[in-house]
Amino acid sequence: MSTLALHPGVVGQSFPTDRPASAVDLSPERARERAAAIARGDFSSLTDAEVMLELRAGNMAAFDVLLAKYRKPIIHFMFRMVHNQAVAEELAQEVFLRIYRSRETYRAEARFSTWLYRIATNLGVNHARDTRHERSASTVYLDEPDAETGTTPDVADETPSAEADMLRRERMNAIRQHVMALPERQRTAVLMHKYEGLDYKQIGEVLKLSESATKSLLFRAYQTLRERLKEFV
């Protein structure tokens, strides 16, 4: 699988909140300024959907913008689905390859992020089905944040006692196991809601559910987790 390279000019830029692109009335002067900014590789005034439309129009720098913004979040999302860093990175790369290959047929009919997470979810679910009987590998690095808590293990003198550390790890492992044991849609919804920060509407768009159905799905998932994790609460 080929490596996707980042254009050096887009790293570190901030971008506006994602929403579907629509016809916006711009003054001739503003339209010229915007066109000039895009020409020099500045996409900061565009929404994600508009950046994707630039890619559809043949502006390859637009792909680098999307890759710079979403690569890490998608890797994190895939890791929570497969619990294997190498596989997560490979699946994330496949997500962006599919985005790139679909550029000519892209239609800004929904949020770009919804489309992106739908592709990622489908890939993660398919991988889980294909490797259901395989045991995933995971590696813990002392100098990197924990995958579940986002905290770095404390190696100073005031580190928690061995017993407290063991209990914390047991709790983390139990949460991970019970989340992954949820029915497929509930598991995916929890991962997007709890760890990716997507709201009910966004999750519903990814899973093709109404907002009320999404709330019910998450309610059932969290009820199940509370029951199964009683000893750790």
C-alpha atoms as a PDB file:
ATOM      1  CA  MET A   1       0.000   0.000   0.000  1.00  0.00           C
ATOM      2  CA  SER A   2       1.482   3.356  -0.969  1.00  0.00           C
ATOM      3  CA  THR A   3       2.345   6.011   1.596  1.00  0.00           C
ATOM      4  CA  LEU A   4       0.306   9.202   1.686  1.00  0.00           C
ATOM      5  CA  ALA A   5       2.505  12.292   1.975  1.00  0.00           C
ATOM      6  CA  LEU A   6       1.609  15.587   3.611  1.00  0.00           C
ATOM      7  CA  HIS A   7       2.181  18.905   1.917  1.00  0.00           C
ATOM      8  CA  PRO A   8       4.449  20.865   4.323  1.00  0.00           C
ATOM      9  CA  GLY A   9       2.393  24.021   4.027  1.00  0.00           C
ATOM     10  CA  VAL A  10      -0.760  22.647   5.636  1.00  0.00           C
ATOM     11  CA  VAL A  11       0.551  21.237   8.921  1.00  0.00           C
ATOM     12  CA  GLY A  12      -0.590  23.278  11.902  1.00  0.00           C
ATOM     13  CA  GLN A  13      -3.380  25.163  10.127  1.00  0.00           C
ATOM     14  CA  SER A  14      -6.770  25.450  11.837  1.00  0.00           C
ATOM     15  CA  PHE A  15      -9.941  24.982   9.866  1.00  0.00           C
ATOM     16  CA  PRO A  16     -13.579  26.021  10.273  1.00  0.00           C
ATOM     17  CA  THR A  17     -16.279  23.707  11.593  1.00  0.00           C
ATOM     18  CA  ASP A  18     -17.405  21.137   9.083  1.00  0.00           C
ATOM     19  CA  ARG A  19     -20.744  21.629   7.334  1.00  0.00           C
ATOM     20  CA  PRO A  20     -22.074  20.857   3.873  1.00  0.00           C
ATOM     21  CA  ALA A  21     -20.866  23.274   1.232  1.00  0.00           C
ATOM     22  CA  SER A  22     -23.530  25.570  -0.145  1.00  0.00           C
ATOM     23  CA  ALA A  23     -23.714  28.523  -2.457  1.00  0.00           C
ATOM     24  CA  VAL A  24     -22.492  31.486  -0.441  1.00  0.00           C
ATOM     25  CA  ASP A  25     -23.001  35.048  -1.619  1.00  0.00           C
ATOM     26  CA  LEU A  26     -19.558  36.613  -1.668  1.00  0.00           C
ATOM     27  CA  SER A  27     -18.698  40.092  -2.786  1.00  0.00           C
ATOM     28  CA  PRO A  28     -16.506  40.178  -5.910  1.00  0.00           C
ATOM     29  CA  GLU A  29     -13.614  41.416  -3.780  1.00  0.00           C
ATOM     30  CA  ARG A  30     -14.057  38.617  -1.207  1.00  0.00           C
ATOM     31  CA  ALA A  31     -14.382  36.045  -3.969  1.00  0.00           C
ATOM     32  CA  ARG A  32     -11.073  37.219  -5.471  1.00  0.00           C
ATOM     33  CA  GLU A  33      -9.384  37.118  -2.071  1.00  0.00           C
ATOM     34  CA  ARG A  34     -10.655  33.601  -1.458  1.00  0.00           C
ATOM     35  CA  ALA A  35      -9.550  32.388  -4.885  1.00  0.00           C
ATOM     36  CA  ALA A  36      -6.103  33.905  -4.320  1.00  0.00           C
ATOM     37  CA  ALA A  37      -5.824  32.216  -0.917  1.00  0.00           C
ATOM     38  CA  ILE A  38      -6.733  28.830  -2.393  1.00  0.00           C
ATOM     39  CA  ALA A  39      -4.249  29.369  -5.219  1.00  0.00           C
ATOM     40  CA  ARG A  40      -1.422  29.808  -2.719  1.00  0.00           C
ATOM     41  CA  GLY A  41      -2.526  26.773  -0.681  1.00  0.00           C
ATOM     42  CA  ASP A  42      -4.398  28.548   2.112  1.00  0.00           C
ATOM     43  CA  PHE A  43      -7.635  26.621   2.733  1.00  0.00           C
ATOM     44  CA  SER A  44      -8.332  28.030   6.204  1.00  0.00           C
ATOM     45  CA  SER A  45     -11.500  29.875   5.123  1.00  0.00           C
ATOM     46  CA  LEU A  46     -13.078  26.724   3.623  1.00  0.00           C
ATOM     47  CA  THR A  47     -15.208  24.085   5.317  1.00  0.00           C
ATOM     48  CA  ASP A  48     -14.171  20.436   5.017  1.00  0.00           C
ATOM     49  CA  ALA A  49     -16.837  19.847   2.389  1.00  0.00           C
ATOM     50  CA  GLU A  50     -15.568  22.794   0.363  1.00  0.00           C
ATOM     51  CA  VAL A  51     -12.002  21.500   0.636  1.00  0.00           C
ATOM     52  CA  MET A  52     -13.224  18.136  -0.654  1.00  0.00           C
ATOM     53  CA  LEU A  53     -14.934  19.897  -3.553  1.00  0.00           C
ATOM     54  CA  GLU A  54     -11.600  21.557  -4.339  1.00  0.00           C
ATOM     55  CA  LEU A  55     -10.057  18.083  -4.476  1.00  0.00           C
ATOM     56  CA  ARG A  56     -12.860  16.947  -6.763  1.00  0.00           C
ATOM     57  CA  ALA A  57     -12.024  19.887  -9.019  1.00  0.00           C
ATOM     58  CA  GLY A  58      -8.435  18.663  -9.284  1.00  0.00           C
ATOM     59  CA  ASN A  59      -6.659  20.671  -6.565  1.00  0.00           C
ATOM     60  CA  MET A  60      -4.440  17.962  -5.077  1.00  0.00           C
ATOM     61  CA  ALA A  61      -3.272  20.219  -2.220  1.00  0.00           C
ATOM     62  CA  ALA A  62      -6.788  19.915  -0.798  1.00  0.00           C
ATOM     63  CA  PHE A  63      -6.171  16.246  -0.054  1.00  0.00           C
ATOM     64  CA  ASP A  64      -3.166  17.153   2.092  1.00  0.00           C
ATOM     65  CA  VAL A  65      -5.370  19.535   4.087  1.00  0.00           C
ATOM     66  CA  LEU A  66      -7.878  16.780   4.899  1.00  0.00           C
ATOM     67  CA  LEU A  67      -5.120  14.296   5.661  1.00  0.00           C
ATOM     68  CA  ALA A  68      -3.390  16.719   8.031  1.00  0.00           C
ATOM     69  CA  LYS A  69      -6.624  17.396   9.912  1.00  0.00           C
ATOM     70  CA  TYR A  70      -8.084  13.904  10.188  1.00  0.00           C
ATOM     71  CA  ARG A  71      -5.215  11.403  10.022  1.00  0.00           C
ATOM     72  CA  LYS A  72      -4.560  11.222  13.778  1.00  0.00           C
ATOM     73  CA  PRO A  73      -8.241  11.177  14.830  1.00  0.00           C
ATOM     74  CA  ILE A  74      -8.950   8.356  12.366  1.00  0.00           C
ATOM     75  CA  ILE A  75      -5.931   6.345  13.552  1.00  0.00           C
ATOM     76  CA  HIS A  76      -7.154   6.745  17.147  1.00  0.00           C
ATOM     77  CA  PHE A  77     -10.666   5.713  16.137  1.00  0.00           C
ATOM     78  CA  MET A  78      -9.410   2.639  14.275  1.00  0.00           C
ATOM     79  CA  PHE A  79      -7.146   1.690  17.190  1.00  0.00           C
ATOM     80  CA  ARG A  80     -10.117   1.644  19.529  1.00  0.00           C
ATOM     81  CA  MET A  81     -11.858  -0.711  17.116  1.00  0.00           C
ATOM     82  CA  VAL A  82      -8.962  -3.111  16.476  1.00  0.00           C
ATOM     83  CA  HIS A  83      -6.586  -2.566  19.448  1.00  0.00           C
ATOM     84  CA  ASN A  84      -3.526  -2.959  17.280  1.00  0.00           C
ATOM     85  CA  GLN A  85      -1.486   0.112  16.351  1.00  0.00           C
ATOM     86  CA  ALA A  86      -0.039  -1.250  13.104  1.00  0.00           C
ATOM     87  CA  VAL A  87      -3.441  -2.434  11.890  1.00  0.00           C
ATOM     88  CA  ALA A  88      -5.038   0.874  12.926  1.00  0.00           C
ATOM     89  CA  GLU A  89      -2.516   2.830  10.856  1.00  0.00           C
ATOM     90  CA  GLU A  90      -3.006   0.531   7.875  1.00  0.00           C
ATOM     91  CA  LEU A  91      -6.802   0.842   8.060  1.00  0.00           C
ATOM     92  CA  ALA A  92      -6.559   4.629   8.447  1.00  0.00           C
ATOM     93  CA  GLN A  93      -4.425   4.761   5.318  1.00  0.00           C
ATOM     94  CA  GLU A  94      -7.056   2.714   3.494  1.00  0.00           C
ATOM     95  CA  VAL A  95      -9.722   5.203   4.652  1.00  0.00           C
ATOM     96  CA  PHE A  96      -7.866   8.078   3.009  1.00  0.00           C
ATOM     97  CA  LEU A  97      -7.134   6.080  -0.112  1.00  0.00           C
ATOM     98  CA  ARG A  98     -10.873   5.515  -0.465  1.00  0.00           C
ATOM     99  CA  ILE A  99     -11.507   9.221   0.080  1.00  0.00           C
ATOM    100  CA  TYR A 100      -9.013  10.024  -2.649  1.00  0.00           C
ATOM    101  CA  ARG A 101     -10.407   7.454  -5.074  1.00  0.00           C
ATOM    102  CA  SER A 102     -13.935   8.763  -4.493  1.00  0.00           C
ATOM    103  CA  ARG A 103     -13.033  12.397  -5.115  1.00  0.00           C
ATOM    104  CA  GLU A 104     -14.636  12.611  -8.572  1.00  0.00           C
ATOM    105  CA  THR A 105     -17.998  11.284  -7.362  1.00  0.00           C
ATOM    106  CA  TYR A 106     -18.107  13.226  -4.074  1.00  0.00           C
ATOM    107  CA  ARG A 107     -21.309  15.160  -3.379  1.00  0.00           C
ATOM    108  CA  ALA A 108     -21.519  17.606  -0.464  1.00  0.00           C
ATOM    109  CA  GLU A 109     -24.895  16.319   0.670  1.00  0.00           C
ATOM    110  CA  ALA A 110     -23.852  15.652   4.276  1.00  0.00           C
ATOM    111  CA  ARG A 111     -21.021  16.598   6.594  1.00  0.00           C
ATOM    112  CA  PHE A 112     -17.634  15.520   5.332  1.00  0.00           C
ATOM    113  CA  SER A 113     -16.837  14.094   8.769  1.00  0.00           C
ATOM    114  CA  THR A 114     -19.965  11.925   8.620  1.00  0.00           C
ATOM    115  CA  TRP A 115     -18.868  10.459   5.293  1.00  0.00           C
ATOM    116  CA  LEU A 116     -15.330   9.973   6.610  1.00  0.00           C
ATOM    117  CA  TYR A 117     -16.393   8.145   9.786  1.00  0.00           C
ATOM    118  CA  ARG A 118     -18.852   6.003   7.845  1.00  0.00           C
ATOM    119  CA  ILE A 119     -15.990   4.754   5.663  1.00  0.00           C
ATOM    120  CA  ALA A 120     -13.820   4.187   8.753  1.00  0.00           C
ATOM    121  CA  THR A 121     -16.612   2.373  10.589  1.00  0.00           C
ATOM    122  CA  ASN A 122     -17.287   0.034   7.676  1.00  0.00           C
ATOM    123  CA  LEU A 123     -13.593  -0.811   7.357  1.00  0.00           C
ATOM    124  CA  GLY A 124     -13.249  -1.417  11.089  1.00  0.00           C
ATOM    125  CA  VAL A 125     -16.348  -3.617  11.245  1.00  0.00           C
ATOM    126  CA  ASN A 126     -15.245  -5.632   8.220  1.00  0.00           C
ATOM    127  CA  HIS A 127     -11.781  -6.123   9.703  1.00  0.00           C
ATOM    128  CA  ALA A 128     -13.276  -7.258  13.017  1.00  0.00           C
ATOM    129  CA  ARG A 129     -15.448  -9.799  11.215  1.00  0.00           C
ATOM    130  CA  ASP A 130     -12.542 -11.085   9.141  1.00  0.00           C
ATOM    131  CA  THR A 131     -10.260 -11.489  12.175  1.00  0.00           C
ATOM    132  CA  ARG A 132     -12.832 -12.470  14.777  1.00  0.00           C
ATOM    133  CA  HIS A 133     -10.913 -15.574  15.812  1.00  0.00           C
ATOM    134  CA  GLU A 134      -7.505 -13.940  15.839  1.00  0.00           C
ATOM    135  CA  ARG A 135      -5.941 -12.467  18.923  1.00  0.00           C
ATOM    136  CA  SER A 136      -4.943  -8.832  18.494  1.00  0.00           C
ATOM    137  CA  ALA A 137      -1.547  -7.687  19.760  1.00  0.00           C
ATOM    138  CA  SER A 138      -0.965  -4.579  21.794  1.00  0.00           C
ATOM    139  CA  THR A 139       2.188  -2.969  23.119  1.00  0.00           C
ATOM    140  CA  VAL A 140       2.490  -0.606  26.059  1.00  0.00           C
ATOM    141  CA  TYR A 141       5.190   2.067  25.950  1.00  0.00           C
ATOM    142  CA  LEU A 142       6.132   3.731  29.227  1.00  0.00           C
ATOM    143  CA  ASP A 143       6.773   7.086  27.568  1.00  0.00           C
ATOM    144  CA  GLU A 144       3.520   7.256  25.571  1.00  0.00           C
ATOM    145  CA  PRO A 145      -0.037   8.081  26.722  1.00  0.00           C
ATOM    146  CA  ASP A 146      -2.222   5.132  27.609  1.00  0.00           C
ATOM    147  CA  ALA A 147      -4.582   4.276  24.734  1.00  0.00           C
ATOM    148  CA  GLU A 148      -7.692   4.239  26.949  1.00  0.00           C
ATOM    149  CA  THR A 149      -7.098   7.014  29.495  1.00  0.00           C
ATOM    150  CA  GLY A 150      -4.922   9.396  27.484  1.00  0.00           C
ATOM    151  CA  THR A 151      -2.544   9.683  30.472  1.00  0.00           C
ATOM    152  CA  THR A 152       1.150   8.865  30.589  1.00  0.00           C
ATOM    153  CA  PRO A 153       2.188   6.225  33.170  1.00  0.00           C
ATOM    154  CA  ASP A 154       3.736   7.915  36.205  1.00  0.00           C
ATOM    155  CA  VAL A 155       7.345   6.847  36.787  1.00  0.00           C
ATOM    156  CA  ALA A 156       8.161   9.333  39.570  1.00  0.00           C
ATOM    157  CA  ASP A 157       8.517   8.521  43.272  1.00  0.00           C
ATOM    158  CA  GLU A 158       4.870   9.296  43.918  1.00  0.00           C
ATOM    159  CA  THR A 159       3.697   6.560  41.554  1.00  0.00           C
ATOM    160  CA  PRO A 160       0.599   4.720  42.778  1.00  0.00           C
ATOM    161  CA  SER A 161       1.225   1.590  44.785  1.00  0.00           C
ATOM    162  CA  ALA A 162       1.535  -1.710  42.935  1.00  0.00           C
ATOM    163  CA  GLU A 163      -1.921  -2.693  44.216  1.00  0.00           C
ATOM    164  CA  ALA A 164      -3.544   0.562  43.040  1.00  0.00           C
ATOM    165  CA  ASP A 165      -1.851   0.279  39.669  1.00  0.00           C
ATOM    166  CA  MET A 166      -3.038  -3.302  39.289  1.00  0.00           C
ATOM    167  CA  LEU A 167      -6.622  -2.297  40.112  1.00  0.00           C
ATOM    168  CA  ARG A 168      -6.461   0.553  37.596  1.00  0.00           C
ATOM    169  CA  ARG A 169      -5.214  -1.775  34.888  1.00  0.00           C
ATOM    170  CA  GLU A 170      -7.868  -4.346  35.734  1.00  0.00           C
ATOM    171  CA  ARG A 171     -10.544  -1.675  35.434  1.00  0.00           C
ATOM    172  CA  MET A 172      -9.184  -0.435  32.098  1.00  0.00           C
ATOM    173  CA  ASN A 173      -9.006  -3.970  30.737  1.00  0.00           C
ATOM    174  CA  ALA A 174     -12.526  -4.710  31.941  1.00  0.00           C
ATOM    175  CA  ILE A 175     -13.907  -1.564  30.294  1.00  0.00           C
ATOM    176  CA  ARG A 176     -12.093  -2.386  27.058  1.00  0.00           C
ATOM    177  CA  GLN A 177     -13.318  -5.986  27.031  1.00  0.00           C
ATOM    178  CA  HIS A 178     -16.928  -5.093  27.818  1.00  0.00           C
ATOM    179  CA  VAL A 179     -17.042  -2.304  25.234  1.00  0.00           C
ATOM    180  CA  MET A 180     -15.678  -4.663  22.575  1.00  0.00           C
ATOM    181  CA  ALA A 181     -18.192  -7.340  23.653  1.00  0.00           C
ATOM    182  CA  LEU A 182     -21.175  -5.063  22.957  1.00  0.00           C
ATOM    183  CA  PRO A 183     -23.287  -5.757  19.863  1.00  0.00           C
ATOM    184  CA  GLU A 184     -21.679  -4.289  16.763  1.00  0.00           C
ATOM    185  CA  ARG A 185     -23.756  -1.114  16.430  1.00  0.00           C
ATOM    186  CA  GLN A 186     -23.691  -0.369  20.158  1.00  0.00           C
ATOM    187  CA  ARG A 187     -19.912  -0.828  20.240  1.00  0.00           C
ATOM    188  CA  THR A 188     -19.369   1.491  17.283  1.00  0.00           C
ATOM    189  CA  ALA A 189     -21.717   4.117  18.732  1.00  0.00           C
ATOM    190  CA  VAL A 190     -19.924   4.069  22.101  1.00  0.00           C
ATOM    191  CA  LEU A 191     -16.520   4.413  20.446  1.00  0.00           C
ATOM    192  CA  MET A 192     -17.688   7.417  18.431  1.00  0.00           C
ATOM    193  CA  HIS A 193     -19.561   9.032  21.348  1.00  0.00           C
ATOM    194  CA  LYS A 194     -17.208   8.370  24.256  1.00  0.00           C
ATOM    195  CA  TYR A 195     -13.826   8.529  22.569  1.00  0.00           C
ATOM    196  CA  GLU A 196     -14.287  10.588  19.395  1.00  0.00           C
ATOM    197  CA  GLY A 197     -16.704  13.154  20.828  1.00  0.00           C
ATOM    198  CA  LEU A 198     -19.305  12.831  18.064  1.00  0.00           C
ATOM    199  CA  ASP A 199     -22.819  13.950  18.969  1.00  0.00           C
ATOM    200  CA  TYR A 200     -26.045  11.971  18.543  1.00  0.00           C
ATOM    201  CA  LYS A 201     -26.818  13.507  15.175  1.00  0.00           C
ATOM    202  CA  GLN A 202     -23.362  12.768  13.743  1.00  0.00           C
ATOM    203  CA  ILE A 203     -23.395   9.187  15.039  1.00  0.00           C
ATOM    204  CA  GLY A 204     -26.878   8.705  13.608  1.00  0.00           C
ATOM    205  CA  GLU A 205     -25.700   9.944  10.220  1.00  0.00           C
ATOM    206  CA  VAL A 206     -22.777   7.508  10.256  1.00  0.00           C
ATOM    207  CA  LEU A 207     -24.930   4.551  11.319  1.00  0.00           C
ATOM    208  CA  LYS A 208     -27.935   5.704   9.240  1.00  0.00           C
ATOM    209  CA  LEU A 209     -30.189   5.991  12.289  1.00  0.00           C
ATOM    210  CA  SER A 210     -32.504   8.747  13.495  1.00  0.00           C
ATOM    211  CA  GLU A 211     -31.282  10.884  16.373  1.00  0.00           C
ATOM    212  CA  SER A 212     -33.813   9.303  18.749  1.00  0.00           C
ATOM    213  CA  ALA A 213     -32.785   5.800  17.668  1.00  0.00           C
ATOM    214  CA  THR A 214     -29.142   6.730  18.264  1.00  0.00           C
ATOM    215  CA  LYS A 215     -29.956   7.951  21.783  1.00  0.00           C
ATOM    216  CA  SER A 216     -31.781   4.686  22.503  1.00  0.00           C
ATOM    217  CA  LEU A 217     -28.878   2.675  21.121  1.00  0.00           C
ATOM    218  CA  LEU A 218     -26.372   4.468  23.349  1.00  0.00           C
ATOM    219  CA  PHE A 219     -28.686   4.277  26.365  1.00  0.00           C
ATOM    220  CA  ARG A 220     -28.873   0.488  26.022  1.00  0.00           C
ATOM    221  CA  ALA A 221     -25.103   0.269  25.520  1.00  0.00           C
ATOM    222  CA  TYR A 222     -24.284   2.340  28.612  1.00  0.00           C
ATOM    223  CA  GLN A 223     -26.882   0.465  30.683  1.00  0.00           C
ATOM    224  CA  THR A 224     -25.205  -2.813  29.725  1.00  0.00           C
ATOM    225  CA  LEU A 225     -21.766  -1.439  30.576  1.00  0.00           C
ATOM    226  CA  ARG A 226     -22.961  -0.149  33.968  1.00  0.00           C
ATOM    227  CA  GLU A 227     -24.371  -3.573  34.814  1.00  0.00           C
ATOM    228  CA  ARG A 228     -21.240  -5.426  33.746  1.00  0.00           C
ATOM    229  CA  LEU A 229     -18.847  -2.999  35.434  1.00  0.00           C
ATOM    230  CA  LYS A 230     -20.628  -2.724  38.809  1.00  0.00           C
ATOM    231  CA  GLU A 231     -17.630  -4.029  40.727  1.00  0.00           C
ATOM    232  CA  PHE A 232     -15.430  -1.245  39.333  1.00  0.00           C
ATOM    233  CA  VAL A 233     -17.835   1.657  39.977  1.00  0.00           C
END
